[in-house]
Amino acid sequence: MILVRQEIGDVLRDFRLQKGRTLRQVASKASVALGYLSEVERGQKEASSEILASVADALDTPISVIMREVGDRLAVIEGIDTFPDTVPDDFGAAYDPGFLVR
């Protein structure tokens, strides 16, 4: 089973380490408890969008970049070989037959 929180935690840790920052530095700048951020990085806790935005800001990294990396990692786990850079015009049609009629 794929756990999105695990991938988010791994990506946050990877970005933090790439930036050469400690868990304490990021937690302090993001105004997040050190223990909580540690649990998020280990995939033990689900972070809210507000927490993710604060951590992304503390890492000086756009949340879209973080989430793109998470998405790319999930695609690899799911066995998707290629990922489109844009959403196809008829993307919603697979979920809503009336999508293109509106």
Protein backbone atom coordinates (compact mmCIF):
# COMPACT_ATOMS: atom_id res chain seq x y z
CA MET A 1 0.00 0.00 0.00
CA ILE A 2 1.29 3.43 -0.95
CA LEU A 3 1.34 5.91 1.91
CA VAL A 4 1.37 9.46 0.59
CA ARG A 5 2.44 10.77 3.99
CA GLN A 6 5.59 8.61 3.77
CA GLU A 7 6.51 10.09 0.39
CA ILE A 8 5.81 13.62 1.60
CA GLY A 9 8.04 13.02 4.63
CA ASP A 10 10.84 11.59 2.50
CA VAL A 11 10.69 14.54 0.12
CA LEU A 12 10.69 17.09 2.95
CA ARG A 13 13.69 15.38 4.53
CA ASP A 14 15.53 15.23 1.20
CA PHE A 15 14.95 18.94 0.54
CA ARG A 16 16.01 19.81 4.10
CA LEU A 17 19.22 17.82 3.78
CA GLN A 18 19.96 19.26 0.33
CA LYS A 19 19.68 22.73 1.85
CA GLY A 20 22.03 21.72 4.68
CA ARG A 21 19.50 22.56 7.39
CA THR A 22 18.84 20.76 10.62
CA LEU A 23 15.44 19.56 11.70
CA ARG A 24 15.60 22.09 14.55
CA GLN A 25 16.30 25.00 12.16
CA VAL A 26 13.41 24.14 9.85
CA ALA A 27 10.98 23.48 12.71
CA SER A 28 11.87 26.80 14.32
CA LYS A 29 11.54 28.82 11.11
CA ALA A 30 8.25 27.06 10.24
CA SER A 31 6.90 27.49 13.81
CA VAL A 32 6.31 23.75 14.04
CA ALA A 33 7.19 21.57 17.02
CA LEU A 34 10.46 19.74 16.45
CA GLY A 35 8.96 16.36 17.43
CA TYR A 36 5.97 16.86 15.13
CA LEU A 37 8.14 17.74 12.14
CA SER A 38 10.27 14.69 12.88
CA GLU A 39 7.15 12.51 12.82
CA VAL A 40 6.05 14.10 9.54
CA GLU A 41 9.45 13.40 7.98
CA ARG A 42 9.26 9.79 9.13
CA GLY A 43 5.77 9.42 7.64
CA GLN A 44 4.17 8.85 11.03
CA LYS A 45 1.97 11.97 10.97
CA GLU A 46 -0.12 13.59 8.24
CA ALA A 47 0.74 17.26 7.86
CA SER A 48 -2.00 19.77 7.11
CA SER A 49 -1.68 22.00 4.07
CA GLU A 50 -0.85 24.88 6.42
CA ILE A 51 2.02 22.94 7.99
CA LEU A 52 3.30 21.88 4.56
CA ALA A 53 3.20 25.50 3.39
CA SER A 54 5.11 26.65 6.50
CA VAL A 55 7.75 23.97 6.07
CA ALA A 56 8.10 24.72 2.36
CA ASP A 57 8.56 28.40 3.20
CA ALA A 58 11.14 27.49 5.84
CA LEU A 59 12.99 25.49 3.18
CA ASP A 60 12.77 28.40 0.69
CA THR A 61 11.12 25.99 -1.73
CA PRO A 62 7.76 26.47 -3.44
CA ILE A 63 5.15 23.99 -2.24
CA SER A 64 4.47 23.18 -5.91
CA VAL A 65 8.06 21.94 -6.29
CA ILE A 66 7.71 19.75 -3.21
CA MET A 67 4.37 18.33 -4.33
CA ARG A 68 5.67 17.77 -7.87
CA GLU A 69 8.49 15.66 -6.45
CA VAL A 70 6.01 13.73 -4.31
CA GLY A 71 3.86 13.13 -7.40
CA ASP A 72 6.82 11.98 -9.45
CA ARG A 73 7.86 9.52 -6.73
CA LEU A 74 4.33 8.16 -6.44
CA ALA A 75 4.19 7.67 -10.21
CA VAL A 76 7.38 5.60 -10.08
CA ILE A 77 5.94 3.47 -7.27
CA GLU A 78 2.76 3.00 -9.30
CA GLY A 79 4.79 1.94 -12.32
CA ILE A 80 3.98 4.89 -14.52
CA ASP A 81 6.87 5.30 -16.95
CA THR A 82 6.12 8.76 -18.27
CA PHE A 83 4.33 11.68 -16.76
CA PRO A 84 2.77 14.46 -18.82
CA ASP A 85 3.99 17.99 -18.12
CA THR A 86 0.50 19.31 -18.73
CA VAL A 87 -2.99 18.07 -18.07
CA PRO A 88 -4.71 16.91 -21.28
CA ASP A 89 -7.78 18.92 -22.36
CA ASP A 90 -10.03 15.88 -21.92
CA PHE A 91 -8.60 14.84 -18.54
CA GLY A 92 -11.91 15.28 -16.69
CA ALA A 93 -13.78 13.16 -19.25
CA ALA A 94 -12.51 9.96 -17.64
CA TYR A 95 -14.31 10.93 -14.42
CA ASP A 96 -17.26 12.92 -15.75
CA PRO A 97 -18.86 11.95 -19.08
CA GLY A 98 -20.43 15.40 -19.39
CA PHE A 99 -17.10 17.16 -18.91
CA LEU A 100 -16.60 18.28 -22.53
CA VAL A 101 -20.27 19.10 -23.09
CA ARG A 102 -20.42 22.00 -20.61
